Amino acid sequence: MKSEDRHLSRLATGGLLSVIGSGVSAVAGIALVATVTNGVSRELAGTLFATTSLWVIICAVTQLGTEVGLVRWLPTLLATGRRAEIPRVLCIALGPVLLASCVAAVALYLGAEVAAGYLVGDEQQADGALMLRCLAAFIPVYALHHSLLAATRGMGTMRTTVLVDLVGRSIAQPVAVLVIGLQGGAAALVLSWLAPFVVAAAATGFALRRQVIRALSGRVDLEPAEAPSLAGHSRGLGRDFWRFTGPRGVATLSQAALRRSDIVLIAALLSPADAAVYTAATRFMVLGQMAILAIQQTLGPQLSKLFAQQDTRTAESVFRAATAWTMLLTWPLYLVCAAAAPLILSLFGEGYDVEAGQRVMVILAGAMLIATASGSVDTVLLMAGRSWLSLLDNLGALVLNVGLNLVLIRPVGIEGAAISWAAAIAARNIVTVLQVRAMLGLSSGGSAARWVAVSAVACFGIPGLALRLAGASQPLLIGVEALVCAPAYLALVWWRRDTLHLPLLGRTLLTRLGRSKHSRPKVATH
């Protein structure tokens, strides 16, 4: 098998596993929000969403960019024959994360009362402060869990991320909230939301330990042609690691804030109840975002190896295929969600502003079409070593988002937050596309991506818009999309199956299934 097909096969195998897990996680996330919005008051639901959003942003700070640093460095060490340095890199990465997360936990616990007052107002301050204190205790758990997950991906497998986090932890959260959280007050609600992270972190640490032992003993799936040996070990490994990863820590904060700051600002500038409405209206994005993240998590280690080997031609082919496969999954989803917004919002219970929620969904669906068509351009920049450029791009998007939020939220409402987020998403992706093309000579476009875009708009976008304008009922719209539009879309996709690398995808999956049933993995010998 030639190099390009081999890397596409790896992307297909890891990507499919991630997409399945991400689908489970996205559905579980929607179930979690629906459980909360249907089970408690809008004010308490909004307080939970606002405090956990702030918590996620703080946790992103404490990870210090190690998620991307480990995904870039560990595959490089494996591909260049320097596996003995893996434990050292893990210590270099995880030590500062543990220290930073403990400091943040103490700071949040001590400042919970003041922060809650600004975040959710006087009426919900007591519940908000209680939730923030509970959340503070779990900051080290969350930070280490996600850094360890990144390390398992860097070691060459998506299984831990999928089974432990995307499936196990994601399903456990709504179950815990339903069984325990809804039976008590604010503390029970947030602790039931947090508890699955403890189990997930322990399982992830155990899985990583096994991977490291296998790598150090030589039992790791590497091809000799792709693992040139390096004489000796590099000096200043810690300095080199943090030179790349440090800027990424700020960029990770920017990305987390870009995803969550609107919920925090809505709670502070409007009310926790409005934050609950906005959270419910934006949950559909999780479905597409999880698919995008699944492809990114598999794409990152592949690109890291290819850039280490200076194989930019194969890197571009893999990048383009990843973009087309992502669009294949997400464009129909976003177009259908925009058309069926009223039906989707009905899942989150009564008392929510459906009209405003619909407008939020349409605005953000348009932004996500642009984002997915751009491809995982930020991942390309990072795996090529341009972490400073990624930092500037993400900071610029965050400044744009927060600035527009401060201007638009009060006069426009939650639609203003949607406009701000959409503008930031579009600006960041367009700028990064131009940078990747100019500096690396890589393009996410191509005939495959164009065909997917045209097919999705023709089969889902235009019919959905026509049915909405004609006043069709939501059940009729969903029925037409499922029974008429979906088969037409699949037919168009299959017509250009070679362009989309679908035969290769099918062969890869069948081969993988056959190996898992009839053979044991090969052990590399040296």
Protein backbone atom coordinates (compact mmCIF):
# COMPACT_ATOMS: atom_id res chain seq x y z
CA MET A 1 0.00 0.00 0.00
CA LYS A 2 1.43 3.39 -0.95
CA SER A 3 2.14 6.00 1.72
CA GLU A 4 -0.90 8.16 0.99
CA ASP A 5 -3.34 5.24 1.14
CA ARG A 6 -1.69 3.94 4.30
CA HIS A 7 -2.18 7.25 6.12
CA LEU A 8 -5.73 7.60 4.81
CA SER A 9 -6.47 4.11 6.12
CA ARG A 10 -5.20 5.07 9.54
CA LEU A 11 -7.26 8.24 9.47
CA ALA A 12 -10.31 6.22 8.43
CA THR A 13 -9.88 3.64 11.18
CA GLY A 14 -9.23 6.10 13.98
CA GLY A 15 -11.69 8.62 12.60
CA LEU A 16 -14.59 6.19 12.40
CA LEU A 17 -14.02 5.00 15.95
CA SER A 18 -13.91 8.61 17.11
CA VAL A 19 -17.01 9.58 15.16
CA ILE A 20 -18.99 6.72 16.69
CA GLY A 21 -17.82 7.69 20.15
CA SER A 22 -18.44 11.35 19.46
CA GLY A 23 -21.95 10.58 18.28
CA VAL A 24 -22.67 8.80 21.53
CA SER A 25 -21.14 11.69 23.47
CA ALA A 26 -23.12 14.31 21.58
CA VAL A 27 -26.42 12.52 22.10
CA ALA A 28 -25.55 12.03 25.78
CA GLY A 29 -24.72 15.74 26.03
CA ILE A 30 -28.10 16.69 24.60
CA ALA A 31 -29.74 14.22 26.98
CA LEU A 32 -27.87 15.85 29.86
CA VAL A 33 -29.09 19.34 28.96
CA ALA A 34 -32.63 18.06 28.37
CA THR A 35 -32.58 16.28 31.73
CA VAL A 36 -31.52 19.46 33.52
CA THR A 37 -33.87 21.83 31.68
CA ASN A 38 -36.84 19.51 32.19
CA GLY A 39 -35.96 18.60 35.77
CA VAL A 40 -35.15 21.91 37.48
CA SER A 41 -36.13 25.55 37.16
CA ARG A 42 -34.71 27.71 34.39
CA GLU A 43 -32.83 29.76 36.98
CA LEU A 44 -31.12 26.73 38.56
CA ALA A 45 -30.42 25.21 35.12
CA GLY A 46 -28.90 28.48 33.95
CA THR A 47 -26.80 28.69 37.10
CA LEU A 48 -25.44 25.18 36.47
CA PHE A 49 -24.64 25.97 32.84
CA ALA A 50 -23.00 29.30 33.70
CA THR A 51 -20.85 27.96 36.55
CA THR A 52 -19.74 24.86 34.65
CA SER A 53 -18.90 27.03 31.62
CA LEU A 54 -16.69 29.22 33.80
CA TRP A 55 -15.16 26.06 35.27
CA VAL A 56 -14.33 24.66 31.82
CA ILE A 57 -12.57 27.92 30.93
CA ILE A 58 -10.52 27.79 34.15
CA CYS A 59 -9.64 24.13 33.54
CA ALA A 60 -8.46 25.04 30.05
CA VAL A 61 -6.02 27.49 31.60
CA THR A 62 -4.61 24.85 33.96
CA GLN A 63 -3.95 22.39 31.13
CA LEU A 64 -1.32 24.81 29.83
CA GLY A 65 -1.69 23.57 26.25
CA THR A 66 -0.43 20.07 27.07
CA GLU A 67 -3.23 18.44 25.08
CA VAL A 68 -1.72 19.63 21.82
CA GLY A 69 1.86 19.45 23.05
CA LEU A 70 1.59 15.76 23.90
CA VAL A 71 -0.25 14.91 20.68
CA ARG A 72 2.56 16.54 18.71
CA TRP A 73 5.58 15.36 20.72
CA LEU A 74 4.75 11.75 21.50
CA PRO A 75 4.16 10.67 17.87
CA THR A 76 7.34 12.50 16.89
CA LEU A 77 9.35 10.62 19.53
CA LEU A 78 7.88 7.31 18.35
CA ALA A 79 8.41 8.08 14.67
CA THR A 80 12.05 9.11 15.22
CA GLY A 81 13.06 6.20 17.42
CA ARG A 82 13.29 8.18 20.69
CA ARG A 83 10.74 6.29 22.76
CA ALA A 84 12.99 6.28 25.84
CA GLU A 85 12.21 9.98 26.25
CA ILE A 86 8.44 9.37 26.59
CA PRO A 87 8.37 9.20 30.44
CA ARG A 88 10.43 12.37 30.63
CA VAL A 89 8.04 14.23 28.32
CA LEU A 90 5.07 13.05 30.39
CA CYS A 91 6.67 14.35 33.58
CA ILE A 92 7.56 17.63 31.89
CA ALA A 93 3.94 18.04 30.80
CA LEU A 94 1.93 16.74 33.75
CA GLY A 95 3.89 18.25 36.66
CA PRO A 96 3.06 21.88 35.83
CA VAL A 97 -0.55 20.91 35.01
CA LEU A 98 -1.01 19.41 38.48
CA LEU A 99 0.52 22.46 40.15
CA ALA A 100 -1.50 24.98 38.11
CA SER A 101 -4.77 23.10 38.64
CA CYS A 102 -4.28 22.98 42.42
CA VAL A 103 -3.58 26.71 42.55
CA ALA A 104 -6.68 27.42 40.45
CA ALA A 105 -8.79 25.16 42.67
CA VAL A 106 -7.80 27.09 45.80
CA ALA A 107 -8.37 30.44 44.11
CA LEU A 108 -11.83 29.49 42.82
CA TYR A 109 -12.89 28.05 46.18
CA LEU A 110 -11.88 31.20 48.04
CA GLY A 111 -13.44 33.53 45.48
CA ALA A 112 -16.63 31.56 44.87
CA GLU A 113 -18.94 33.97 46.68
CA VAL A 114 -17.71 37.05 44.83
CA ALA A 115 -17.59 35.29 41.47
CA ALA A 116 -21.13 33.99 41.86
CA GLY A 117 -22.42 37.47 42.57
CA TYR A 118 -21.05 38.80 39.30
CA LEU A 119 -21.94 35.67 37.36
CA VAL A 120 -25.56 34.90 38.27
CA GLY A 121 -26.75 37.85 40.35
CA ASP A 122 -28.02 38.19 43.89
CA GLU A 123 -31.00 35.85 43.60
CA GLN A 124 -28.90 32.86 42.53
CA GLN A 125 -25.69 33.84 44.35
CA ALA A 126 -26.01 31.24 47.11
CA ASP A 127 -26.56 28.36 44.67
CA GLY A 128 -23.88 29.70 42.35
CA ALA A 129 -21.29 29.98 45.11
CA LEU A 130 -22.06 26.46 46.32
CA MET A 131 -21.66 25.07 42.80
CA LEU A 132 -18.39 26.93 42.26
CA ARG A 133 -16.92 25.53 45.48
CA CYS A 134 -17.85 21.99 44.43
CA LEU A 135 -16.42 22.58 40.97
CA ALA A 136 -13.17 23.96 42.41
CA ALA A 137 -12.35 20.64 44.08
CA PHE A 138 -12.51 18.85 40.73
CA ILE A 139 -10.25 21.16 38.69
CA PRO A 140 -7.14 18.94 39.12
CA VAL A 141 -9.17 15.86 38.18
CA TYR A 142 -10.46 17.43 34.96
CA ALA A 143 -7.10 18.93 33.95
CA LEU A 144 -5.16 15.70 34.47
CA HIS A 145 -7.87 13.61 32.84
CA HIS A 146 -7.76 15.57 29.59
CA SER A 147 -3.97 15.78 29.53
CA LEU A 148 -3.74 12.01 30.07
CA LEU A 149 -6.29 11.44 27.31
CA ALA A 150 -4.17 13.52 24.95
CA ALA A 151 -1.15 11.40 25.86
CA THR A 152 -3.00 8.19 24.99
CA ARG A 153 -3.85 9.68 21.58
CA GLY A 154 -0.26 10.73 21.11
CA MET A 155 0.77 7.14 21.84
CA GLY A 156 -1.25 6.06 18.85
CA THR A 157 -4.72 5.00 19.93
CA MET A 158 -8.16 6.58 20.09
CA ARG A 159 -9.69 3.72 22.07
CA THR A 160 -9.19 5.26 25.50
CA THR A 161 -10.62 8.61 24.44
CA VAL A 162 -13.61 6.92 22.84
CA LEU A 163 -14.41 4.25 25.42
CA VAL A 164 -13.54 6.11 28.61
CA ASP A 165 -14.46 9.70 27.82
CA LEU A 166 -16.76 9.93 24.81
CA VAL A 167 -18.83 6.88 25.74
CA GLY A 168 -18.34 6.04 29.42
CA ARG A 169 -18.11 9.47 31.02
CA SER A 170 -20.64 11.05 28.65
CA ILE A 171 -23.32 8.44 29.31
CA ALA A 172 -22.64 8.43 33.05
CA GLN A 173 -23.30 12.16 33.42
CA PRO A 174 -26.99 12.34 32.42
CA VAL A 175 -27.65 9.08 34.28
CA ALA A 176 -26.04 10.42 37.45
CA VAL A 177 -27.90 13.72 37.16
CA LEU A 178 -31.21 11.94 36.60
CA VAL A 179 -30.77 9.44 39.42
CA ILE A 180 -29.02 11.66 42.00
CA GLY A 181 -28.82 15.28 40.89
CA LEU A 182 -32.51 15.97 40.43
CA GLN A 183 -33.32 14.55 43.84
CA GLY A 184 -31.42 17.23 45.76
CA GLY A 185 -30.45 20.87 45.50
CA ALA A 186 -27.61 22.72 43.84
CA ALA A 187 -24.84 20.65 45.44
CA ALA A 188 -26.37 17.31 44.42
CA LEU A 189 -26.90 18.60 40.88
CA VAL A 190 -23.33 19.73 40.30
CA LEU A 191 -21.67 16.83 42.15
CA SER A 192 -23.61 14.28 40.09
CA TRP A 193 -22.41 16.16 36.99
CA LEU A 194 -18.79 15.99 38.23
CA ALA A 195 -18.54 12.46 39.65
CA PRO A 196 -17.99 10.61 36.32
CA PHE A 197 -14.78 12.60 35.75
CA VAL A 198 -13.14 10.87 38.74
CA VAL A 199 -13.75 7.38 37.39
CA ALA A 200 -12.74 8.45 33.88
CA ALA A 201 -9.47 9.98 35.09
CA ALA A 202 -8.50 6.80 36.95
CA ALA A 203 -9.28 4.61 33.91
CA THR A 204 -7.33 6.92 31.60
CA GLY A 205 -4.26 6.86 33.86
CA PHE A 206 -4.31 3.06 33.94
CA ALA A 207 -4.60 2.85 30.13
CA LEU A 208 -1.71 5.29 29.59
CA ARG A 209 0.50 3.35 31.98
CA ARG A 210 -0.02 0.21 29.89
CA GLN A 211 0.76 2.09 26.68
CA VAL A 212 4.01 3.51 28.05
CA ILE A 213 5.14 0.09 29.29
CA ARG A 214 4.46 -1.39 25.84
CA ALA A 215 6.34 1.40 24.10
CA LEU A 216 9.40 1.15 26.35
CA SER A 217 9.53 -2.62 25.89
CA GLY A 218 9.44 -2.25 22.11
CA ARG A 219 5.91 -3.62 21.68
CA VAL A 220 4.44 -0.76 19.71
CA ASP A 221 2.93 -0.68 16.24
CA LEU A 222 5.56 1.19 14.21
CA GLU A 223 6.73 0.56 10.68
CA PRO A 224 10.54 0.55 10.36
CA ALA A 225 10.38 2.80 7.31
CA GLU A 226 8.57 5.41 9.36
CA ALA A 227 10.78 5.32 12.44
CA PRO A 228 14.26 6.51 11.54
CA SER A 229 16.61 6.25 14.50
CA LEU A 230 18.24 9.33 15.99
CA ALA A 231 21.64 9.17 17.62
CA GLY A 232 21.36 10.22 21.25
CA HIS A 233 18.70 12.28 22.94
CA SER A 234 17.97 15.96 22.43
CA ARG A 235 19.09 18.38 25.10
CA GLY A 236 16.76 20.87 26.62
CA LEU A 237 13.72 18.68 26.04
CA GLY A 238 11.69 20.57 28.61
CA ARG A 239 12.61 23.91 27.08
CA ASP A 240 11.70 22.72 23.60
CA PHE A 241 8.43 21.18 24.78
CA TRP A 242 7.25 24.33 26.53
CA ARG A 243 8.49 26.59 23.76
CA PHE A 244 5.89 24.91 21.55
CA THR A 245 3.28 24.15 24.21
CA GLY A 246 3.36 27.41 26.17
CA PRO A 247 1.71 29.53 23.47
CA ARG A 248 -0.80 26.74 23.01
CA GLY A 249 -1.86 27.10 26.64
CA VAL A 250 -3.09 30.61 25.93
CA ALA A 251 -4.65 29.45 22.65
CA THR A 252 -6.48 26.63 24.44
CA LEU A 253 -7.85 29.17 26.90
CA SER A 254 -8.98 31.29 23.96
CA GLN A 255 -10.74 28.35 22.34
CA ALA A 256 -12.48 27.32 25.57
CA ALA A 257 -13.52 30.91 26.21
CA LEU A 258 -14.76 31.21 22.63
CA ARG A 259 -17.01 28.18 23.17
CA ARG A 260 -18.20 29.06 26.68
CA SER A 261 -17.81 32.79 27.32
CA ASP A 262 -21.12 33.64 25.68
CA ILE A 263 -23.01 31.54 28.25
CA VAL A 264 -21.11 33.25 31.06
CA LEU A 265 -21.74 36.72 29.62
CA ILE A 266 -25.44 36.05 29.01
CA ALA A 267 -25.85 34.96 32.63
CA ALA A 268 -24.02 38.07 33.84
CA LEU A 269 -25.56 40.63 31.46
CA LEU A 270 -29.08 39.19 31.17
CA SER A 271 -30.00 36.37 33.60
CA PRO A 272 -29.32 32.69 34.36
CA ALA A 273 -32.71 31.88 32.78
CA ASP A 274 -31.55 33.43 29.48
CA ALA A 275 -28.32 31.44 29.76
CA ALA A 276 -30.41 28.26 30.03
CA VAL A 277 -32.35 29.18 26.88
CA TYR A 278 -29.14 29.89 24.97
CA THR A 279 -27.52 26.66 26.16
CA ALA A 280 -30.53 24.66 25.00
CA ALA A 281 -30.54 26.41 21.61
CA THR A 282 -26.84 25.76 21.00
CA ARG A 283 -26.75 22.10 22.02
CA PHE A 284 -27.33 20.97 18.44
CA MET A 285 -23.87 22.32 17.62
CA VAL A 286 -22.38 19.70 19.89
CA LEU A 287 -23.39 16.99 17.42
CA GLY A 288 -21.33 18.52 14.63
CA GLN A 289 -18.54 19.73 16.89
CA MET A 290 -17.99 16.25 18.26
CA ALA A 291 -17.63 14.88 14.74
CA ILE A 292 -15.15 17.63 13.93
CA LEU A 293 -13.23 16.94 17.13
CA ALA A 294 -13.18 13.22 16.35
CA ILE A 295 -11.50 13.81 13.00
CA GLN A 296 -9.09 16.36 14.53
CA GLN A 297 -7.98 13.97 17.27
CA THR A 298 -7.13 11.32 14.70
CA LEU A 299 -5.69 13.78 12.18
CA GLY A 300 -3.28 15.43 14.63
CA PRO A 301 -0.90 12.49 15.22
CA GLN A 302 -0.97 11.63 11.49
CA LEU A 303 0.06 15.14 10.48
CA SER A 304 2.69 15.29 13.22
CA LYS A 305 4.40 12.20 11.77
CA LEU A 306 4.13 13.46 8.19
CA PHE A 307 5.56 16.89 9.00
CA ALA A 308 8.37 15.21 10.98
CA GLN A 309 9.15 13.24 7.80
CA GLN A 310 8.70 16.40 5.65
CA ASP A 311 6.08 14.64 3.51
CA THR A 312 3.86 17.64 2.72
CA ARG A 313 2.25 16.03 -0.33
CA THR A 314 0.79 13.18 1.71
CA ALA A 315 -0.08 15.64 4.49
CA GLU A 316 -2.21 17.66 2.07
CA SER A 317 -3.96 14.54 0.75
CA VAL A 318 -4.80 13.40 4.27
CA PHE A 319 -5.91 16.92 5.21
CA ARG A 320 -8.23 17.18 2.19
CA ALA A 321 -9.73 13.75 2.82
CA ALA A 322 -10.34 14.63 6.46
CA THR A 323 -12.10 17.84 5.41
CA ALA A 324 -14.36 16.04 2.94
CA TRP A 325 -15.23 13.30 5.44
CA THR A 326 -16.03 15.91 8.09
CA MET A 327 -18.30 17.81 5.70
CA LEU A 328 -19.91 14.54 4.64
CA LEU A 329 -21.12 14.05 8.21
CA THR A 330 -21.76 17.58 9.40
CA TRP A 331 -23.25 19.59 6.52
CA PRO A 332 -26.50 17.56 6.37
CA LEU A 333 -26.71 17.75 10.16
CA TYR A 334 -26.42 21.54 10.34
CA LEU A 335 -28.80 22.11 7.43
CA VAL A 336 -31.44 19.84 8.95
CA CYS A 337 -31.03 21.41 12.41
CA ALA A 338 -31.56 24.88 10.95
CA ALA A 339 -34.77 23.73 9.25
CA ALA A 340 -36.07 21.71 12.21
CA ALA A 341 -35.16 24.17 14.97
CA PRO A 342 -38.66 24.30 16.55
CA LEU A 343 -38.84 20.52 16.88
CA ILE A 344 -35.35 20.30 18.38
CA LEU A 345 -36.02 23.03 20.92
CA SER A 346 -39.18 21.25 22.09
CA LEU A 347 -36.92 18.57 23.61
CA PHE A 348 -35.76 20.97 26.31
CA GLY A 349 -39.10 21.54 27.98
CA GLU A 350 -41.62 24.35 28.23
CA GLY A 351 -41.00 27.97 29.16
CA TYR A 352 -38.14 28.59 26.74
CA ASP A 353 -38.13 31.34 24.11
CA VAL A 354 -38.53 29.20 20.98
CA GLU A 355 -38.45 32.09 18.51
CA ALA A 356 -35.16 33.45 19.83
CA GLY A 357 -33.76 29.93 20.04
CA GLN A 358 -34.62 29.26 16.40
CA ARG A 359 -32.76 32.36 15.26
CA VAL A 360 -29.74 31.32 17.33
CA MET A 361 -29.71 27.89 15.68
CA VAL A 362 -29.93 29.28 12.13
CA ILE A 363 -27.14 31.81 12.72
CA LEU A 364 -24.75 29.28 14.20
CA ALA A 365 -25.57 26.62 11.60
CA GLY A 366 -24.37 29.00 8.90
CA ALA A 367 -21.14 29.69 10.79
CA MET A 368 -20.44 25.99 11.24
CA LEU A 369 -20.85 25.33 7.51
CA ILE A 370 -17.98 27.75 6.96
CA ALA A 371 -15.92 26.21 9.75
CA THR A 372 -16.23 22.62 8.51
CA ALA A 373 -15.53 23.61 4.89
CA SER A 374 -12.28 25.20 6.09
CA GLY A 375 -11.07 21.90 7.49
CA SER A 376 -9.01 21.36 10.64
CA VAL A 377 -6.71 24.25 9.73
CA ASP A 378 -5.77 25.01 13.32
CA THR A 379 -4.63 21.40 13.76
CA VAL A 380 -2.47 21.76 10.63
CA LEU A 381 -0.81 24.89 12.02
CA LEU A 382 -0.14 23.21 15.35
CA MET A 383 1.25 19.97 13.95
CA ALA A 384 3.52 22.02 11.68
CA GLY A 385 4.93 23.74 14.75
CA ARG A 386 3.22 27.13 14.27
CA SER A 387 1.79 27.33 17.80
CA TRP A 388 2.45 31.07 18.08
CA LEU A 389 0.44 31.74 14.95
CA SER A 390 -2.40 29.59 16.25
CA LEU A 391 -2.26 31.57 19.48
CA LEU A 392 -2.66 34.89 17.66
CA ASP A 393 -5.54 33.56 15.57
CA ASN A 394 -7.43 32.28 18.60
CA LEU A 395 -6.79 35.41 20.64
CA GLY A 396 -8.08 37.52 17.79
CA ALA A 397 -11.24 35.43 17.54
CA LEU A 398 -11.77 35.65 21.31
CA VAL A 399 -11.36 39.43 21.35
CA LEU A 400 -13.82 39.74 18.47
CA ASN A 401 -16.32 37.44 20.17
CA VAL A 402 -16.19 39.08 23.60
CA GLY A 403 -16.23 42.59 22.13
CA LEU A 404 -19.30 41.88 20.02
CA ASN A 405 -20.98 40.14 22.95
CA LEU A 406 -20.54 43.19 25.16
CA VAL A 407 -22.03 45.37 22.44
CA LEU A 408 -24.88 43.12 21.28
CA ILE A 409 -26.14 41.00 24.18
CA ARG A 410 -28.03 43.70 26.09
CA PRO A 411 -29.83 45.32 23.11
CA VAL A 412 -30.32 42.19 20.98
CA GLY A 413 -30.52 39.38 23.55
CA ILE A 414 -29.27 35.86 23.02
CA GLU A 415 -29.33 36.39 19.23
CA GLY A 416 -26.56 38.94 19.79
CA ALA A 417 -24.43 36.26 21.40
CA ALA A 418 -25.07 33.97 18.43
CA ILE A 419 -24.06 36.70 15.96
CA SER A 420 -20.87 37.32 17.96
CA TRP A 421 -19.93 33.65 18.08
CA ALA A 422 -20.69 33.17 14.38
CA ALA A 423 -18.54 36.16 13.41
CA ALA A 424 -15.63 34.89 15.50
CA ILE A 425 -15.89 31.36 14.06
CA ALA A 426 -15.98 32.63 10.48
CA ALA A 427 -13.15 35.12 10.94
CA ARG A 428 -10.81 32.66 12.65
CA ASN A 429 -11.31 29.95 10.04
CA ILE A 430 -10.99 32.21 7.01
CA VAL A 431 -7.78 33.79 8.35
CA THR A 432 -6.27 30.39 9.24
CA VAL A 433 -7.12 28.96 5.80
CA LEU A 434 -5.16 31.81 4.17
CA GLN A 435 -2.21 31.27 6.52
CA VAL A 436 -2.02 27.52 5.91
CA ARG A 437 -2.15 28.08 2.17
CA ALA A 438 0.48 30.84 2.19
CA MET A 439 2.95 29.37 4.68
CA LEU A 440 2.60 25.61 4.19
CA GLY A 441 1.17 25.38 0.69
CA LEU A 442 -1.72 23.22 1.91
CA SER A 443 -5.34 23.57 0.92
CA SER A 444 -8.40 21.96 2.48
CA GLY A 445 -10.42 22.41 -0.69
CA GLY A 446 -10.66 20.13 -3.68
CA SER A 447 -13.17 18.30 -5.79
CA ALA A 448 -14.26 16.05 -2.92
CA ALA A 449 -15.16 18.93 -0.59
CA ARG A 450 -16.91 20.84 -3.37
CA TRP A 451 -19.01 17.81 -4.30
CA VAL A 452 -20.08 17.24 -0.70
CA ALA A 453 -21.05 20.92 -0.33
CA VAL A 454 -23.13 20.99 -3.52
CA SER A 455 -24.81 17.68 -2.70
CA ALA A 456 -25.70 18.69 0.85
CA VAL A 457 -27.14 22.06 -0.13
CA ALA A 458 -29.11 20.56 -3.03
CA CYS A 459 -30.52 17.68 -0.99
CA PHE A 460 -31.04 19.27 2.43
CA GLY A 461 -30.57 23.03 2.31
CA ILE A 462 -32.86 24.03 -0.55
CA PRO A 463 -35.69 21.57 0.27
CA GLY A 464 -35.56 22.48 3.97
CA LEU A 465 -35.76 26.21 3.20
CA ALA A 466 -38.61 25.68 0.73
CA LEU A 467 -40.61 23.64 3.24
CA ARG A 468 -40.09 26.23 6.00
CA LEU A 469 -41.18 29.09 3.71
CA ALA A 470 -44.21 27.08 2.64
CA GLY A 471 -45.25 26.66 6.28
CA ALA A 472 -44.88 22.89 6.34
CA SER A 473 -45.26 21.20 9.71
CA GLN A 474 -42.15 19.96 11.47
CA PRO A 475 -43.10 16.25 11.22
CA LEU A 476 -43.66 16.65 7.46
CA LEU A 477 -40.32 18.44 7.07
CA ILE A 478 -38.44 15.73 8.96
CA GLY A 479 -40.24 13.04 6.97
CA VAL A 480 -39.27 14.57 3.62
CA GLU A 481 -35.66 15.09 4.74
CA ALA A 482 -35.37 11.49 5.95
CA LEU A 483 -37.29 9.63 3.23
CA VAL A 484 -36.48 11.71 0.13
CA CYS A 485 -33.50 13.99 0.77
CA ALA A 486 -31.27 11.53 2.63
CA PRO A 487 -31.43 8.79 -0.04
CA ALA A 488 -30.74 11.38 -2.76
CA TYR A 489 -27.73 12.63 -0.82
CA LEU A 490 -26.36 9.12 -0.33
CA ALA A 491 -26.79 8.44 -4.05
CA LEU A 492 -24.86 11.57 -5.01
CA VAL A 493 -22.10 10.74 -2.54
CA TRP A 494 -21.83 7.17 -3.83
CA TRP A 495 -21.68 8.42 -7.42
CA ARG A 496 -18.40 10.18 -6.61
CA ARG A 497 -17.19 7.50 -4.21
CA ASP A 498 -13.67 7.33 -5.70
CA THR A 499 -13.17 11.07 -5.32
CA LEU A 500 -14.27 10.80 -1.70
CA HIS A 501 -12.02 7.76 -1.04
CA LEU A 502 -15.03 5.72 0.07
CA PRO A 503 -13.78 2.39 -1.36
CA LEU A 504 -10.55 2.83 0.62
CA LEU A 505 -12.62 3.65 3.69
CA GLY A 506 -14.70 0.49 3.23
CA ARG A 507 -11.68 -1.75 2.65
CA THR A 508 -9.95 -0.33 5.71
CA LEU A 509 -12.91 -0.97 7.96
CA LEU A 510 -13.47 -4.50 6.64
CA THR A 511 -9.79 -5.31 7.06
CA ARG A 512 -9.80 -3.92 10.57
CA LEU A 513 -12.88 -5.94 11.47
CA GLY A 514 -11.34 -9.10 10.07
CA ARG A 515 -8.11 -8.59 12.01
CA SER A 516 -9.92 -7.97 15.25
CA LYS A 517 -11.82 -11.25 14.83
CA HIS A 518 -9.19 -13.59 13.47
CA SER A 519 -5.76 -12.36 14.45
CA ARG A 520 -3.75 -10.75 17.16
CA PRO A 521 -1.83 -7.50 16.59
CA LYS A 522 1.69 -7.88 15.30
CA VAL A 523 4.53 -7.11 17.65
CA ALA A 524 7.29 -5.04 16.19
CA THR A 525 10.72 -6.65 16.39
CA HIS A 526 14.08 -4.95 16.23
